[in-house]
Amino acid sequence: QRALEVYPVLTDYSLYFLGVLNRKDGQPAEARTYFQRLLSEQADSVWSGRAALELAKLALADRNWSDTTRYAEQARNTKLTPAPVRHEAALVLAQAQEGQGDIGNAYELYQELRRIAARSDVGKTAREHVERLRQDNPSRFGLRSDNAYLEELRLLQKEGDEVEVDHLAQKFNAQFSMSPLRSEVLVLLAGIYKKKGQV
């Protein structure tokens, strides 16, 4: 609080970190007040996207889907928001969609995060959500076509999961031995084996 008085030029910075400190201290109401002040008083701040994300996460914890969606979208669309913050905001948005039963859009957003943030914590979390949705809804989200298998193989390659690429490629070859996409799958496998020095 003292920083707001002594360093008014750093008001946005101070409001953001006061919010974070209060959140970490288990005081979500106070944290929410600081983040909301930042958004209302310093809308063009470089910290506004992060503040919106914090508000989205607080709303998600309360299962307040409308506020989660509103703040997550704000964090994603704020001009100066860094890519990692936008990606985390998209993850929160997908969780809100899933929480409201909109699992189709949630699944698509999780998959998009796997594509654009493959090896980040956000990408890894998105993959966990995808795997759970596939397990819970195999008829809707399971891999049922050669195209679906190839897309998953490409994602696994981006994620660096060579063991699963090998495993899934074997399943592809067993189920779709005559597929015109088989050559692309073999190219993926060849790249992995070459990397391992097996070619």
C-alpha atoms as a PDB file:
ATOM      1  CA  GLN A   1       0.000   0.000   0.000  1.00  0.00           C
ATOM      2  CA  ARG A   2       2.880   2.364   0.847  1.00  0.00           C
ATOM      3  CA  ALA A   3       4.227   1.933  -2.688  1.00  0.00           C
ATOM      4  CA  LEU A   4       1.048   3.457  -4.117  1.00  0.00           C
ATOM      5  CA  GLU A   5       1.710   6.630  -2.120  1.00  0.00           C
ATOM      6  CA  VAL A   6       5.470   6.911  -2.576  1.00  0.00           C
ATOM      7  CA  TYR A   7       5.740   5.827  -6.224  1.00  0.00           C
ATOM      8  CA  PRO A   8       2.561   6.967  -8.010  1.00  0.00           C
ATOM      9  CA  VAL A   9       4.241   6.450 -11.383  1.00  0.00           C
ATOM     10  CA  LEU A  10       4.374   2.737 -10.542  1.00  0.00           C
ATOM     11  CA  THR A  11       0.716   2.516  -9.581  1.00  0.00           C
ATOM     12  CA  ASP A  12      -0.082  -0.240 -12.078  1.00  0.00           C
ATOM     13  CA  TYR A  13       2.911  -2.325 -10.977  1.00  0.00           C
ATOM     14  CA  SER A  14       2.047  -1.800  -7.312  1.00  0.00           C
ATOM     15  CA  LEU A  15      -1.633  -2.657  -7.752  1.00  0.00           C
ATOM     16  CA  TYR A  16      -0.781  -5.856  -9.591  1.00  0.00           C
ATOM     17  CA  PHE A  17       1.686  -7.121  -7.018  1.00  0.00           C
ATOM     18  CA  LEU A  18      -0.493  -6.099  -4.081  1.00  0.00           C
ATOM     19  CA  GLY A  19      -3.192  -8.207  -5.699  1.00  0.00           C
ATOM     20  CA  VAL A  20      -0.811 -11.136  -6.112  1.00  0.00           C
ATOM     21  CA  LEU A  21       0.382 -10.860  -2.509  1.00  0.00           C
ATOM     22  CA  ASN A  22      -3.174 -10.845  -1.205  1.00  0.00           C
ATOM     23  CA  ARG A  23      -4.075 -13.837  -3.361  1.00  0.00           C
ATOM     24  CA  LYS A  24      -1.082 -15.752  -2.047  1.00  0.00           C
ATOM     25  CA  ASP A  25      -2.075 -14.788   1.507  1.00  0.00           C
ATOM     26  CA  GLY A  26      -5.483 -16.348   0.997  1.00  0.00           C
ATOM     27  CA  GLN A  27      -7.388 -13.073   0.723  1.00  0.00           C
ATOM     28  CA  PRO A  28      -9.156 -13.312  -2.645  1.00  0.00           C
ATOM     29  CA  ALA A  29     -11.574 -10.436  -2.006  1.00  0.00           C
ATOM     30  CA  GLU A  30      -8.739  -8.000  -1.330  1.00  0.00           C
ATOM     31  CA  ALA A  31      -6.785  -9.367  -4.296  1.00  0.00           C
ATOM     32  CA  ARG A  32      -9.807  -8.901  -6.549  1.00  0.00           C
ATOM     33  CA  THR A  33     -10.111  -5.269  -5.433  1.00  0.00           C
ATOM     34  CA  TYR A  34      -6.525  -4.468  -6.431  1.00  0.00           C
ATOM     35  CA  PHE A  35      -6.791  -6.204  -9.799  1.00  0.00           C
ATOM     36  CA  GLN A  36     -10.079  -4.461 -10.569  1.00  0.00           C
ATOM     37  CA  ARG A  37      -8.592  -1.098  -9.608  1.00  0.00           C
ATOM     38  CA  LEU A  38      -5.749  -1.712 -12.023  1.00  0.00           C
ATOM     39  CA  LEU A  39      -8.156  -2.473 -14.851  1.00  0.00           C
ATOM     40  CA  SER A  40     -10.340   0.556 -14.171  1.00  0.00           C
ATOM     41  CA  GLU A  41      -7.569   3.081 -13.408  1.00  0.00           C
ATOM     42  CA  GLN A  42      -4.739   1.793 -15.620  1.00  0.00           C
ATOM     43  CA  ALA A  43      -6.508   0.109 -18.527  1.00  0.00           C
ATOM     44  CA  ASP A  44      -3.582   0.658 -20.916  1.00  0.00           C
ATOM     45  CA  SER A  45      -0.977  -0.716 -18.526  1.00  0.00           C
ATOM     46  CA  VAL A  46       1.332  -3.548 -19.528  1.00  0.00           C
ATOM     47  CA  TRP A  47       0.038  -5.279 -16.371  1.00  0.00           C
ATOM     48  CA  SER A  48      -3.641  -5.125 -17.323  1.00  0.00           C
ATOM     49  CA  GLY A  49      -3.632  -8.443 -19.177  1.00  0.00           C
ATOM     50  CA  ARG A  50      -2.046 -10.169 -16.210  1.00  0.00           C
ATOM     51  CA  ALA A  51      -4.561  -8.563 -13.856  1.00  0.00           C
ATOM     52  CA  ALA A  52      -7.438  -9.746 -16.041  1.00  0.00           C
ATOM     53  CA  LEU A  53      -5.992 -13.262 -16.000  1.00  0.00           C
ATOM     54  CA  GLU A  54      -5.761 -13.175 -12.191  1.00  0.00           C
ATOM     55  CA  LEU A  55      -9.394 -12.096 -11.995  1.00  0.00           C
ATOM     56  CA  ALA A  56     -10.364 -14.887 -14.389  1.00  0.00           C
ATOM     57  CA  LYS A  57      -8.594 -17.456 -12.209  1.00  0.00           C
ATOM     58  CA  LEU A  58     -10.255 -16.125  -9.062  1.00  0.00           C
ATOM     59  CA  ALA A  59     -13.643 -16.350 -10.776  1.00  0.00           C
ATOM     60  CA  LEU A  60     -12.867 -19.870 -11.986  1.00  0.00           C
ATOM     61  CA  ALA A  61     -12.117 -20.948  -8.424  1.00  0.00           C
ATOM     62  CA  ASP A  62     -15.567 -19.633  -7.455  1.00  0.00           C
ATOM     63  CA  ARG A  63     -17.175 -21.339 -10.476  1.00  0.00           C
ATOM     64  CA  ASN A  64     -18.374 -17.928 -11.602  1.00  0.00           C
ATOM     65  CA  TRP A  65     -18.440 -18.800 -15.277  1.00  0.00           C
ATOM     66  CA  SER A  66     -19.570 -15.426 -16.633  1.00  0.00           C
ATOM     67  CA  ASP A  67     -16.791 -13.497 -14.868  1.00  0.00           C
ATOM     68  CA  THR A  68     -14.262 -16.184 -15.763  1.00  0.00           C
ATOM     69  CA  THR A  69     -15.178 -15.881 -19.422  1.00  0.00           C
ATOM     70  CA  ARG A  70     -15.243 -12.074 -19.395  1.00  0.00           C
ATOM     71  CA  TYR A  71     -11.857 -11.651 -17.756  1.00  0.00           C
ATOM     72  CA  ALA A  72     -10.205 -14.481 -19.666  1.00  0.00           C
ATOM     73  CA  GLU A  73     -11.335 -12.940 -22.950  1.00  0.00           C
ATOM     74  CA  GLN A  74     -10.069  -9.558 -21.778  1.00  0.00           C
ATOM     75  CA  ALA A  75      -6.674 -11.051 -20.946  1.00  0.00           C
ATOM     76  CA  ARG A  76      -6.502 -12.739 -24.348  1.00  0.00           C
ATOM     77  CA  ASN A  77      -7.429  -9.576 -26.241  1.00  0.00           C
ATOM     78  CA  THR A  78      -5.445  -6.927 -24.373  1.00  0.00           C
ATOM     79  CA  LYS A  79      -2.937  -5.479 -26.813  1.00  0.00           C
ATOM     80  CA  LEU A  80       0.185  -5.653 -24.618  1.00  0.00           C
ATOM     81  CA  THR A  81      -0.507  -9.074 -23.085  1.00  0.00           C
ATOM     82  CA  PRO A  82       2.480 -11.439 -23.603  1.00  0.00           C
ATOM     83  CA  ALA A  83       1.832 -14.717 -25.402  1.00  0.00           C
ATOM     84  CA  PRO A  84       2.254 -16.945 -22.294  1.00  0.00           C
ATOM     85  CA  VAL A  85      -0.411 -14.897 -20.479  1.00  0.00           C
ATOM     86  CA  ARG A  86      -2.762 -15.134 -23.473  1.00  0.00           C
ATOM     87  CA  HIS A  87      -2.217 -18.890 -23.578  1.00  0.00           C
ATOM     88  CA  GLU A  88      -2.996 -19.270 -19.876  1.00  0.00           C
ATOM     89  CA  ALA A  89      -6.093 -17.107 -20.319  1.00  0.00           C
ATOM     90  CA  ALA A  90      -7.233 -19.414 -23.134  1.00  0.00           C
ATOM     91  CA  LEU A  91      -6.734 -22.401 -20.826  1.00  0.00           C
ATOM     92  CA  VAL A  92      -8.877 -20.755 -18.143  1.00  0.00           C
ATOM     93  CA  LEU A  93     -11.515 -19.940 -20.761  1.00  0.00           C
ATOM     94  CA  ALA A  94     -11.582 -23.571 -21.912  1.00  0.00           C
ATOM     95  CA  GLN A  95     -11.997 -24.722 -18.317  1.00  0.00           C
ATOM     96  CA  ALA A  96     -14.932 -22.343 -17.916  1.00  0.00           C
ATOM     97  CA  GLN A  97     -16.501 -23.685 -21.107  1.00  0.00           C
ATOM     98  CA  GLU A  98     -16.075 -27.228 -19.846  1.00  0.00           C
ATOM     99  CA  GLY A  99     -17.495 -26.266 -16.473  1.00  0.00           C
ATOM    100  CA  GLN A 100     -20.629 -24.995 -18.215  1.00  0.00           C
ATOM    101  CA  GLY A 101     -20.981 -28.205 -20.212  1.00  0.00           C
ATOM    102  CA  ASP A 102     -19.686 -26.768 -23.484  1.00  0.00           C
ATOM    103  CA  ILE A 103     -17.193 -29.580 -23.885  1.00  0.00           C
ATOM    104  CA  GLY A 104     -17.007 -29.312 -27.676  1.00  0.00           C
ATOM    105  CA  ASN A 105     -15.598 -25.791 -27.681  1.00  0.00           C
ATOM    106  CA  ALA A 106     -13.469 -26.565 -24.636  1.00  0.00           C
ATOM    107  CA  TYR A 107     -11.927 -29.548 -26.431  1.00  0.00           C
ATOM    108  CA  GLU A 108     -11.137 -27.472 -29.527  1.00  0.00           C
ATOM    109  CA  LEU A 109      -9.472 -24.780 -27.419  1.00  0.00           C
ATOM    110  CA  TYR A 110      -7.415 -27.359 -25.505  1.00  0.00           C
ATOM    111  CA  GLN A 111      -6.272 -28.785 -28.832  1.00  0.00           C
ATOM    112  CA  GLU A 112      -5.373 -25.320 -30.108  1.00  0.00           C
ATOM    113  CA  LEU A 113      -3.240 -24.771 -27.006  1.00  0.00           C
ATOM    114  CA  ARG A 114      -1.452 -28.045 -27.667  1.00  0.00           C
ATOM    115  CA  ARG A 115      -0.616 -26.700 -31.125  1.00  0.00           C
ATOM    116  CA  ILE A 116       0.589 -23.233 -30.111  1.00  0.00           C
ATOM    117  CA  ALA A 117       2.102 -23.921 -26.677  1.00  0.00           C
ATOM    118  CA  ALA A 118       3.134 -27.540 -27.021  1.00  0.00           C
ATOM    119  CA  ARG A 119       5.892 -27.867 -24.432  1.00  0.00           C
ATOM    120  CA  SER A 120       4.771 -25.217 -21.953  1.00  0.00           C
ATOM    121  CA  ASP A 121       2.951 -25.950 -18.699  1.00  0.00           C
ATOM    122  CA  VAL A 122      -0.228 -24.653 -20.338  1.00  0.00           C
ATOM    123  CA  GLY A 123       0.208 -27.018 -23.280  1.00  0.00           C
ATOM    124  CA  LYS A 124       0.835 -29.965 -20.973  1.00  0.00           C
ATOM    125  CA  THR A 125      -2.260 -29.140 -18.919  1.00  0.00           C
ATOM    126  CA  ALA A 126      -4.319 -28.804 -22.088  1.00  0.00           C
ATOM    127  CA  ARG A 127      -3.192 -32.264 -23.161  1.00  0.00           C
ATOM    128  CA  GLU A 128      -4.269 -33.701 -19.793  1.00  0.00           C
ATOM    129  CA  HIS A 129      -7.734 -32.215 -20.295  1.00  0.00           C
ATOM    130  CA  VAL A 130      -7.918 -33.626 -23.831  1.00  0.00           C
ATOM    131  CA  GLU A 131      -6.966 -37.106 -22.630  1.00  0.00           C
ATOM    132  CA  ARG A 132      -9.590 -36.981 -19.886  1.00  0.00           C
ATOM    133  CA  LEU A 133     -12.308 -35.795 -22.273  1.00  0.00           C
ATOM    134  CA  ARG A 134     -11.414 -38.594 -24.688  1.00  0.00           C
ATOM    135  CA  GLN A 135     -11.593 -41.128 -21.893  1.00  0.00           C
ATOM    136  CA  ASP A 136     -14.947 -39.793 -20.685  1.00  0.00           C
ATOM    137  CA  ASN A 137     -16.415 -39.314 -24.178  1.00  0.00           C
ATOM    138  CA  PRO A 138     -14.710 -41.799 -26.518  1.00  0.00           C
ATOM    139  CA  SER A 139     -17.503 -41.758 -29.090  1.00  0.00           C
ATOM    140  CA  ARG A 140     -17.216 -37.988 -29.442  1.00  0.00           C
ATOM    141  CA  PHE A 141     -13.511 -37.276 -29.008  1.00  0.00           C
ATOM    142  CA  GLY A 142     -11.808 -40.603 -29.632  1.00  0.00           C
ATOM    143  CA  LEU A 143      -9.452 -41.089 -32.573  1.00  0.00           C
ATOM    144  CA  ARG A 144     -11.722 -42.685 -35.152  1.00  0.00           C
ATOM    145  CA  SER A 145     -10.218 -41.788 -38.539  1.00  0.00           C
ATOM    146  CA  ASP A 146      -6.840 -41.762 -40.252  1.00  0.00           C
ATOM    147  CA  ASN A 147      -6.957 -37.953 -40.309  1.00  0.00           C
ATOM    148  CA  ALA A 148      -7.578 -37.832 -36.547  1.00  0.00           C
ATOM    149  CA  TYR A 149      -4.655 -40.185 -35.935  1.00  0.00           C
ATOM    150  CA  LEU A 150      -2.339 -38.101 -38.115  1.00  0.00           C
ATOM    151  CA  GLU A 151      -3.320 -34.877 -36.362  1.00  0.00           C
ATOM    152  CA  GLU A 152      -2.651 -36.467 -32.971  1.00  0.00           C
ATOM    153  CA  LEU A 153       0.691 -37.815 -34.157  1.00  0.00           C
ATOM    154  CA  ARG A 154       1.742 -34.344 -35.271  1.00  0.00           C
ATOM    155  CA  LEU A 155       0.755 -32.900 -31.908  1.00  0.00           C
ATOM    156  CA  LEU A 156       2.643 -35.605 -30.043  1.00  0.00           C
ATOM    157  CA  GLN A 157       5.701 -34.892 -32.170  1.00  0.00           C
ATOM    158  CA  LYS A 158       5.481 -31.174 -31.285  1.00  0.00           C
ATOM    159  CA  GLU A 159       5.173 -32.157 -27.629  1.00  0.00           C
ATOM    160  CA  GLY A 160       8.297 -34.294 -27.899  1.00  0.00           C
ATOM    161  CA  ASP A 161       6.540 -37.498 -26.815  1.00  0.00           C
ATOM    162  CA  GLU A 162       8.435 -39.882 -29.082  1.00  0.00           C
ATOM    163  CA  VAL A 163       7.343 -42.991 -27.196  1.00  0.00           C
ATOM    164  CA  GLU A 164       3.667 -42.189 -27.732  1.00  0.00           C
ATOM    165  CA  VAL A 165       4.300 -41.260 -31.376  1.00  0.00           C
ATOM    166  CA  ASP A 166       5.806 -44.702 -31.935  1.00  0.00           C
ATOM    167  CA  HIS A 167       2.954 -46.415 -30.079  1.00  0.00           C
ATOM    168  CA  LEU A 168       0.209 -44.490 -31.898  1.00  0.00           C
ATOM    169  CA  ALA A 169       1.887 -44.960 -35.292  1.00  0.00           C
ATOM    170  CA  GLN A 170       1.795 -48.728 -34.765  1.00  0.00           C
ATOM    171  CA  LYS A 171      -1.933 -48.524 -34.014  1.00  0.00           C
ATOM    172  CA  PHE A 172      -2.418 -46.395 -37.128  1.00  0.00           C
ATOM    173  CA  ASN A 173      -0.627 -48.948 -39.317  1.00  0.00           C
ATOM    174  CA  ALA A 174      -2.707 -51.755 -37.847  1.00  0.00           C
ATOM    175  CA  GLN A 175      -6.033 -49.978 -38.421  1.00  0.00           C
ATOM    176  CA  PHE A 176      -5.345 -47.973 -41.585  1.00  0.00           C
ATOM    177  CA  SER A 177      -2.768 -49.981 -43.516  1.00  0.00           C
ATOM    178  CA  MET A 178      -4.261 -48.853 -46.838  1.00  0.00           C
ATOM    179  CA  SER A 179      -4.642 -45.187 -45.916  1.00  0.00           C
ATOM    180  CA  PRO A 180      -3.141 -42.601 -48.297  1.00  0.00           C
ATOM    181  CA  LEU A 181      -1.859 -40.851 -45.152  1.00  0.00           C
ATOM    182  CA  ARG A 182       0.357 -43.800 -44.240  1.00  0.00           C
ATOM    183  CA  SER A 183       3.362 -42.275 -46.015  1.00  0.00           C
ATOM    184  CA  GLU A 184       3.117 -39.154 -43.804  1.00  0.00           C
ATOM    185  CA  VAL A 185       3.031 -41.321 -40.699  1.00  0.00           C
ATOM    186  CA  LEU A 186       6.109 -43.210 -41.898  1.00  0.00           C
ATOM    187  CA  VAL A 187       7.924 -39.901 -42.422  1.00  0.00           C
ATOM    188  CA  LEU A 188       7.145 -38.928 -38.829  1.00  0.00           C
ATOM    189  CA  LEU A 189       8.474 -42.249 -37.586  1.00  0.00           C
ATOM    190  CA  ALA A 190      11.591 -42.005 -39.747  1.00  0.00           C
ATOM    191  CA  GLY A 191      12.381 -38.625 -38.206  1.00  0.00           C
ATOM    192  CA  ILE A 192      12.144 -40.087 -34.712  1.00  0.00           C
ATOM    193  CA  TYR A 193      14.262 -43.132 -35.521  1.00  0.00           C
ATOM    194  CA  LYS A 194      16.872 -40.923 -37.212  1.00  0.00           C
ATOM    195  CA  LYS A 195      17.005 -38.732 -34.124  1.00  0.00           C
ATOM    196  CA  LYS A 196      17.614 -41.839 -32.029  1.00  0.00           C
ATOM    197  CA  GLY A 197      20.318 -43.041 -34.435  1.00  0.00           C
ATOM    198  CA  GLN A 198      18.287 -46.061 -35.460  1.00  0.00           C
ATOM    199  CA  VAL A 199      18.263 -45.205 -39.172  1.00  0.00           C
END
